[in-house]
Amino acid sequence: MTLLLATSCSSRNTTSPEPVAVTDSACVLFSPIYTHGDDAQRIDVRTVRAINTHNDMWDQLCGQPAKPEKH
C-alpha cells in the first residue's frame, strides 16, 4: 500500500512540471568597447580588429547597435 501511494505521488501525469525561466543577462553584463580621441590611431591594428570583432558580435547577439552610455 505504501508503495502504491509513493508511486502515485511521483507520476508525471499528476505532477505539473515547474515552468523554466531563462534570463539572458549577457547584454547587460557585457557591453561594447569604446575608444576615445585618437586611440584608434595609436593602438595596434590587431587590437583595433579585436575591438571591432567584439563590438560586431555584441551587435549581432544583442540585436541593437552599440551606443555609448550617457552618464
PDB file of N, CA and C in Angstrom:
ATOM      1  N   MET A   1       0.823  -1.187   0.000  1.00  0.00           N
ATOM      2  CA  MET A   1       0.000   0.000   0.000  1.00  0.00           C
ATOM      3  C   MET A   1       0.870   1.255   0.000  1.00  0.00           C
ATOM      4  N   THR A   2       1.920   1.272   0.818  1.00  0.00           N
ATOM      5  CA  THR A   2       2.816   2.427   0.866  1.00  0.00           C
ATOM      6  C   THR A   2       3.472   2.651  -0.489  1.00  0.00           C
ATOM      7  N   LEU A   3       3.861   1.579  -1.156  1.00  0.00           N
ATOM      8  CA  LEU A   3       4.478   1.685  -2.467  1.00  0.00           C
ATOM      9  C   LEU A   3       3.508   2.302  -3.462  1.00  0.00           C
ATOM     10  N   LEU A   4       2.262   1.941  -3.401  1.00  0.00           N
ATOM     11  CA  LEU A   4       1.254   2.487  -4.296  1.00  0.00           C
ATOM     12  C   LEU A   4       1.096   3.989  -4.093  1.00  0.00           C
ATOM     13  N   LEU A   5       1.083   4.444  -2.860  1.00  0.00           N
ATOM     14  CA  LEU A   5       0.962   5.871  -2.577  1.00  0.00           C
ATOM     15  C   LEU A   5       2.193   6.644  -3.059  1.00  0.00           C
ATOM     16  N   ALA A   6       3.363   6.086  -2.860  1.00  0.00           N
ATOM     17  CA  ALA A   6       4.590   6.763  -3.282  1.00  0.00           C
ATOM     18  C   ALA A   6       4.667   6.887  -4.800  1.00  0.00           C
ATOM     19  N   THR A   7       4.269   5.852  -5.498  1.00  0.00           N
ATOM     20  CA  THR A   7       4.335   5.913  -6.957  1.00  0.00           C
ATOM     21  C   THR A   7       3.255   6.814  -7.532  1.00  0.00           C
ATOM     22  N   SER A   8       2.125   6.911  -6.885  1.00  0.00           N
ATOM     23  CA  SER A   8       1.074   7.785  -7.404  1.00  0.00           C
ATOM     24  C   SER A   8       1.440   9.254  -7.226  1.00  0.00           C
ATOM     25  N   CYS A   9       2.198   9.571  -6.195  1.00  0.00           N
ATOM     26  CA  CYS A   9       2.622  10.956  -5.983  1.00  0.00           C
ATOM     27  C   CYS A   9       3.718  11.388  -6.955  1.00  0.00           C
ATOM     28  N   SER A  10       4.474  10.431  -7.454  1.00  0.00           N
ATOM     29  CA  SER A  10       5.585  10.783  -8.328  1.00  0.00           C
ATOM     30  C   SER A  10       5.262  10.599  -9.808  1.00  0.00           C
ATOM     31  N   SER A  11       4.031  10.309 -10.121  1.00  0.00           N
ATOM     32  CA  SER A  11       3.647  10.098 -11.506  1.00  0.00           C
ATOM     33  C   SER A  11       3.757  11.405 -12.294  1.00  0.00           C
ATOM     34  N   ARG A  12       4.275  11.317 -13.499  1.00  0.00           N
ATOM     35  CA  ARG A  12       4.398  12.507 -14.345  1.00  0.00           C
ATOM     36  C   ARG A  12       3.039  13.038 -14.778  1.00  0.00           C
ATOM     37  N   ASN A  13       2.037  12.173 -14.785  1.00  0.00           N
ATOM     38  CA  ASN A  13       0.707  12.598 -15.202  1.00  0.00           C
ATOM     39  C   ASN A  13       0.003  13.431 -14.144  1.00  0.00           C
ATOM     40  N   THR A  14       0.385  13.284 -12.887  1.00  0.00           N
ATOM     41  CA  THR A  14      -0.282  14.026 -11.820  1.00  0.00           C
ATOM     42  C   THR A  14       0.555  15.188 -11.295  1.00  0.00           C
ATOM     43  N   THR A  15       1.819  15.228 -11.647  1.00  0.00           N
ATOM     44  CA  THR A  15       2.697  16.287 -11.155  1.00  0.00           C
ATOM     45  C   THR A  15       2.992  17.257 -12.291  1.00  0.00           C
ATOM     46  N   SER A  16       2.632  18.519 -12.117  1.00  0.00           N
ATOM     47  CA  SER A  16       2.897  19.527 -13.143  1.00  0.00           C
ATOM     48  C   SER A  16       4.345  19.999 -13.027  1.00  0.00           C
ATOM     49  N   PRO A  17       5.061  20.020 -14.143  1.00  0.00           N
ATOM     50  CA  PRO A  17       6.442  20.500 -14.074  1.00  0.00           C
ATOM     51  C   PRO A  17       6.479  22.010 -13.813  1.00  0.00           C
ATOM     52  N   GLU A  18       7.482  22.425 -13.096  1.00  0.00           N
ATOM     53  CA  GLU A  18       7.651  23.851 -12.837  1.00  0.00           C
ATOM     54  C   GLU A  18       8.085  24.543 -14.123  1.00  0.00           C
ATOM     55  N   PRO A  19       7.539  25.712 -14.434  1.00  0.00           N
ATOM     56  CA  PRO A  19       7.977  26.425 -15.631  1.00  0.00           C
ATOM     57  C   PRO A  19       9.428  26.877 -15.468  1.00  0.00           C
ATOM     58  N   VAL A  20      10.166  26.821 -16.559  1.00  0.00           N
ATOM     59  CA  VAL A  20      11.573  27.199 -16.538  1.00  0.00           C
ATOM     60  C   VAL A  20      11.696  28.601 -17.095  1.00  0.00           C
ATOM     61  N   ALA A  21      12.306  29.480 -16.341  1.00  0.00           N
ATOM     62  CA  ALA A  21      12.530  30.847 -16.797  1.00  0.00           C
ATOM     63  C   ALA A  21      14.019  31.018 -17.082  1.00  0.00           C
ATOM     64  N   VAL A  22      14.322  31.413 -18.304  1.00  0.00           N
ATOM     65  CA  VAL A  22      15.705  31.633 -18.703  1.00  0.00           C
ATOM     66  C   VAL A  22      15.905  33.128 -18.879  1.00  0.00           C
ATOM     67  N   THR A  23      16.858  33.673 -18.161  1.00  0.00           N
ATOM     68  CA  THR A  23      17.158  35.085 -18.267  1.00  0.00           C
ATOM     69  C   THR A  23      18.566  35.237 -18.819  1.00  0.00           C
ATOM     70  N   ASP A  24      18.672  35.844 -19.984  1.00  0.00           N
ATOM     71  CA  ASP A  24      19.977  36.073 -20.603  1.00  0.00           C
ATOM     72  C   ASP A  24      20.430  37.475 -20.214  1.00  0.00           C
ATOM     73  N   SER A  25      21.470  37.550 -19.415  1.00  0.00           N
ATOM     74  CA  SER A  25      21.947  38.842 -18.951  1.00  0.00           C
ATOM     75  C   SER A  25      23.237  39.275 -19.638  1.00  0.00           C
ATOM     76  N   ALA A  26      23.617  38.586 -20.710  1.00  0.00           N
ATOM     77  CA  ALA A  26      24.878  38.907 -21.388  1.00  0.00           C
ATOM     78  C   ALA A  26      24.890  40.339 -21.905  1.00  0.00           C
ATOM     79  N   CYS A  27      23.776  40.811 -22.430  1.00  0.00           N
ATOM     80  CA  CYS A  27      23.732  42.166 -22.991  1.00  0.00           C
ATOM     81  C   CYS A  27      23.772  43.232 -21.901  1.00  0.00           C
ATOM     82  N   VAL A  28      23.479  42.841 -20.689  1.00  0.00           N
ATOM     83  CA  VAL A  28      23.542  43.780 -19.569  1.00  0.00           C
ATOM     84  C   VAL A  28      24.929  43.749 -18.925  1.00  0.00           C
ATOM     85  N   LEU A  29      25.477  42.552 -18.783  1.00  0.00           N
ATOM     86  CA  LEU A  29      26.755  42.398 -18.101  1.00  0.00           C
ATOM     87  C   LEU A  29      27.950  42.814 -18.955  1.00  0.00           C
ATOM     88  N   PHE A  30      27.835  42.632 -20.260  1.00  0.00           N
ATOM     89  CA  PHE A  30      28.929  42.963 -21.162  1.00  0.00           C
ATOM     90  C   PHE A  30      28.460  44.030 -22.131  1.00  0.00           C
ATOM     91  N   SER A  31      29.346  44.901 -22.506  1.00  0.00           N
ATOM     92  CA  SER A  31      28.967  45.992 -23.398  1.00  0.00           C
ATOM     93  C   SER A  31      30.040  46.191 -24.462  1.00  0.00           C
ATOM     94  N   PRO A  32      29.739  46.993 -25.459  1.00  0.00           N
ATOM     95  CA  PRO A  32      30.733  47.281 -26.484  1.00  0.00           C
ATOM     96  C   PRO A  32      31.945  47.994 -25.888  1.00  0.00           C
ATOM     97  N   ILE A  33      33.038  47.918 -26.606  1.00  0.00           N
ATOM     98  CA  ILE A  33      34.267  48.607 -26.205  1.00  0.00           C
ATOM     99  C   ILE A  33      34.341  49.895 -26.996  1.00  0.00           C
ATOM    100  N   TYR A  34      34.532  50.998 -26.322  1.00  0.00           N
ATOM    101  CA  TYR A  34      34.614  52.301 -26.977  1.00  0.00           C
ATOM    102  C   TYR A  34      36.031  52.839 -26.881  1.00  0.00           C
ATOM    103  N   THR A  35      36.444  53.489 -27.936  1.00  0.00           N
ATOM    104  CA  THR A  35      37.733  54.186 -27.919  1.00  0.00           C
ATOM    105  C   THR A  35      37.447  55.677 -27.869  1.00  0.00           C
ATOM    106  N   HIS A  36      38.424  56.427 -27.446  1.00  0.00           N
ATOM    107  CA  HIS A  36      38.253  57.874 -27.300  1.00  0.00           C
ATOM    108  C   HIS A  36      39.377  58.605 -28.015  1.00  0.00           C
ATOM    109  N   GLY A  37      39.028  59.757 -28.558  1.00  0.00           N
ATOM    110  CA  GLY A  37      40.043  60.590 -29.201  1.00  0.00           C
ATOM    111  C   GLY A  37      40.760  59.858 -30.320  1.00  0.00           C
ATOM    112  N   ASP A  38      42.083  59.892 -30.275  1.00  0.00           N
ATOM    113  CA  ASP A  38      42.880  59.258 -31.329  1.00  0.00           C
ATOM    114  C   ASP A  38      43.368  57.866 -30.915  1.00  0.00           C
ATOM    115  N   ASP A  39      42.645  57.205 -30.018  1.00  0.00           N
ATOM    116  CA  ASP A  39      43.024  55.857 -29.573  1.00  0.00           C
ATOM    117  C   ASP A  39      43.193  54.901 -30.750  1.00  0.00           C
ATOM    118  N   ALA A  40      42.266  54.949 -31.707  1.00  0.00           N
ATOM    119  CA  ALA A  40      42.304  54.014 -32.832  1.00  0.00           C
ATOM    120  C   ALA A  40      43.571  54.185 -33.667  1.00  0.00           C
ATOM    121  N   GLN A  41      44.110  55.383 -33.742  1.00  0.00           N
ATOM    122  CA  GLN A  41      45.344  55.610 -34.493  1.00  0.00           C
ATOM    123  C   GLN A  41      46.584  55.227 -33.687  1.00  0.00           C
ATOM    124  N   ARG A  42      46.463  55.223 -32.377  1.00  0.00           N
ATOM    125  CA  ARG A  42      47.624  54.978 -31.523  1.00  0.00           C
ATOM    126  C   ARG A  42      47.797  53.513 -31.119  1.00  0.00           C
ATOM    127  N   ILE A  43      46.726  52.745 -31.147  1.00  0.00           N
ATOM    128  CA  ILE A  43      46.838  51.352 -30.723  1.00  0.00           C
ATOM    129  C   ILE A  43      47.111  50.446 -31.917  1.00  0.00           C
ATOM    130  N   ASP A  44      47.586  49.261 -31.623  1.00  0.00           N
ATOM    131  CA  ASP A  44      47.955  48.281 -32.642  1.00  0.00           C
ATOM    132  C   ASP A  44      46.751  47.889 -33.489  1.00  0.00           C
ATOM    133  N   VAL A  45      46.978  47.650 -34.777  1.00  0.00           N
ATOM    134  CA  VAL A  45      45.891  47.301 -35.692  1.00  0.00           C
ATOM    135  C   VAL A  45      45.202  46.000 -35.265  1.00  0.00           C
ATOM    136  N   ARG A  46      45.929  45.068 -34.648  1.00  0.00           N
ATOM    137  CA  ARG A  46      45.308  43.827 -34.166  1.00  0.00           C
ATOM    138  C   ARG A  46      44.327  44.110 -33.032  1.00  0.00           C
ATOM    139  N   THR A  47      44.658  45.080 -32.202  1.00  0.00           N
ATOM    140  CA  THR A  47      43.753  45.462 -31.112  1.00  0.00           C
ATOM    141  C   THR A  47      42.500  46.112 -31.673  1.00  0.00           C
ATOM    142  N   VAL A  48      42.667  46.956 -32.687  1.00  0.00           N
ATOM    143  CA  VAL A  48      41.515  47.595 -33.330  1.00  0.00           C
ATOM    144  C   VAL A  48      40.604  46.535 -33.930  1.00  0.00           C
ATOM    145  N   ARG A  49      41.175  45.536 -34.591  1.00  0.00           N
ATOM    146  CA  ARG A  49      40.376  44.452 -35.173  1.00  0.00           C
ATOM    147  C   ARG A  49      39.658  43.652 -34.094  1.00  0.00           C
ATOM    148  N   ALA A  50      40.340  43.394 -32.983  1.00  0.00           N
ATOM    149  CA  ALA A  50      39.725  42.645 -31.883  1.00  0.00           C
ATOM    150  C   ALA A  50      38.552  43.431 -31.286  1.00  0.00           C
ATOM    151  N   ILE A  51      38.716  44.723 -31.132  1.00  0.00           N
ATOM    152  CA  ILE A  51      37.635  45.569 -30.615  1.00  0.00           C
ATOM    153  C   ILE A  51      36.460  45.558 -31.584  1.00  0.00           C
ATOM    154  N   ASN A  52      36.756  45.690 -32.878  1.00  0.00           N
ATOM    155  CA  ASN A  52      35.689  45.675 -33.883  1.00  0.00           C
ATOM    156  C   ASN A  52      34.962  44.336 -33.898  1.00  0.00           C
ATOM    157  N   THR A  53      35.689  43.233 -33.781  1.00  0.00           N
ATOM    158  CA  THR A  53      35.074  41.907 -33.741  1.00  0.00           C
ATOM    159  C   THR A  53      34.178  41.769 -32.516  1.00  0.00           C
ATOM    160  N   HIS A  54      34.676  42.211 -31.368  1.00  0.00           N
ATOM    161  CA  HIS A  54      33.884  42.177 -30.128  1.00  0.00           C
ATOM    162  C   HIS A  54      32.598  42.981 -30.293  1.00  0.00           C
ATOM    163  N   ASN A  55      32.715  44.194 -30.813  1.00  0.00           N
ATOM    164  CA  ASN A  55      31.538  45.058 -30.959  1.00  0.00           C
ATOM    165  C   ASN A  55      30.553  44.506 -31.990  1.00  0.00           C
ATOM    166  N   ASP A  56      31.071  43.923 -33.082  1.00  0.00           N
ATOM    167  CA  ASP A  56      30.190  43.314 -34.080  1.00  0.00           C
ATOM    168  C   ASP A  56      29.431  42.135 -33.481  1.00  0.00           C
ATOM    169  N   MET A  57      30.110  41.326 -32.678  1.00  0.00           N
ATOM    170  CA  MET A  57      29.462  40.184 -32.040  1.00  0.00           C
ATOM    171  C   MET A  57      28.405  40.663 -31.049  1.00  0.00           C
ATOM    172  N   TRP A  58      28.706  41.704 -30.302  1.00  0.00           N
ATOM    173  CA  TRP A  58      27.728  42.261 -29.361  1.00  0.00           C
ATOM    174  C   TRP A  58      26.500  42.752 -30.114  1.00  0.00           C
ATOM    175  N   ASP A  59      26.721  43.458 -31.238  1.00  0.00           N
ATOM    176  CA  ASP A  59      25.596  43.932 -32.060  1.00  0.00           C
ATOM    177  C   ASP A  59      24.754  42.760 -32.550  1.00  0.00           C
ATOM    178  N   GLN A  60      25.397  41.714 -33.007  1.00  0.00           N
ATOM    179  CA  GLN A  60      24.697  40.556 -33.559  1.00  0.00           C
ATOM    180  C   GLN A  60      23.890  39.832 -32.480  1.00  0.00           C
ATOM    181  N   LEU A  61      24.468  39.623 -31.312  1.00  0.00           N
ATOM    182  CA  LEU A  61      23.798  38.860 -30.258  1.00  0.00           C
ATOM    183  C   LEU A  61      22.736  39.657 -29.522  1.00  0.00           C
ATOM    184  N   CYS A  62      22.968  40.928 -29.360  1.00  0.00           N
ATOM    185  CA  CYS A  62      22.044  41.740 -28.570  1.00  0.00           C
ATOM    186  C   CYS A  62      20.974  42.400 -29.424  1.00  0.00           C
ATOM    187  N   GLY A  63      21.160  42.408 -30.732  1.00  0.00           N
ATOM    188  CA  GLY A  63      20.131  42.907 -31.628  1.00  0.00           C
ATOM    189  C   GLY A  63      19.944  44.405 -31.642  1.00  0.00           C
ATOM    190  N   GLN A  64      20.923  45.106 -31.179  1.00  0.00           N
ATOM    191  CA  GLN A  64      20.828  46.565 -31.222  1.00  0.00           C
ATOM    192  C   GLN A  64      22.215  47.122 -31.493  1.00  0.00           C
ATOM    193  N   PRO A  65      22.294  48.260 -32.140  1.00  0.00           N
ATOM    194  CA  PRO A  65      23.607  48.837 -32.408  1.00  0.00           C
ATOM    195  C   PRO A  65      24.293  49.308 -31.125  1.00  0.00           C
ATOM    196  N   ALA A  66      25.589  49.296 -31.151  1.00  0.00           N
ATOM    197  CA  ALA A  66      26.359  49.751 -29.988  1.00  0.00           C
ATOM    198  C   ALA A  66      26.207  51.261 -29.836  1.00  0.00           C
ATOM    199  N   LYS A  67      25.827  51.686 -28.646  1.00  0.00           N
ATOM    200  CA  LYS A  67      25.674  53.106 -28.357  1.00  0.00           C
ATOM    201  C   LYS A  67      26.454  53.430 -27.088  1.00  0.00           C
ATOM    202  N   PRO A  68      27.167  54.549 -27.063  1.00  0.00           N
ATOM    203  CA  PRO A  68      27.854  54.905 -25.824  1.00  0.00           C
ATOM    204  C   PRO A  68      26.853  55.237 -24.717  1.00  0.00           C
ATOM    205  N   GLU A  69      27.218  54.872 -23.501  1.00  0.00           N
ATOM    206  CA  GLU A  69      26.358  55.170 -22.352  1.00  0.00           C
ATOM    207  C   GLU A  69      26.477  56.644 -21.994  1.00  0.00           C
ATOM    208  N   LYS A  70      25.359  57.217 -21.578  1.00  0.00           N
ATOM    209  CA  LYS A  70      25.344  58.615 -21.122  1.00  0.00           C
ATOM    210  C   LYS A  70      25.402  58.608 -19.606  1.00  0.00           C
ATOM    211  N   HIS A  71      26.340  59.340 -19.056  1.00  0.00           N
ATOM    212  CA  HIS A  71      26.471  59.399 -17.596  1.00  0.00           C
ATOM    213  C   HIS A  71      25.970  60.719 -17.087  1.00  0.00           C
TER     214      HIS A  71
END
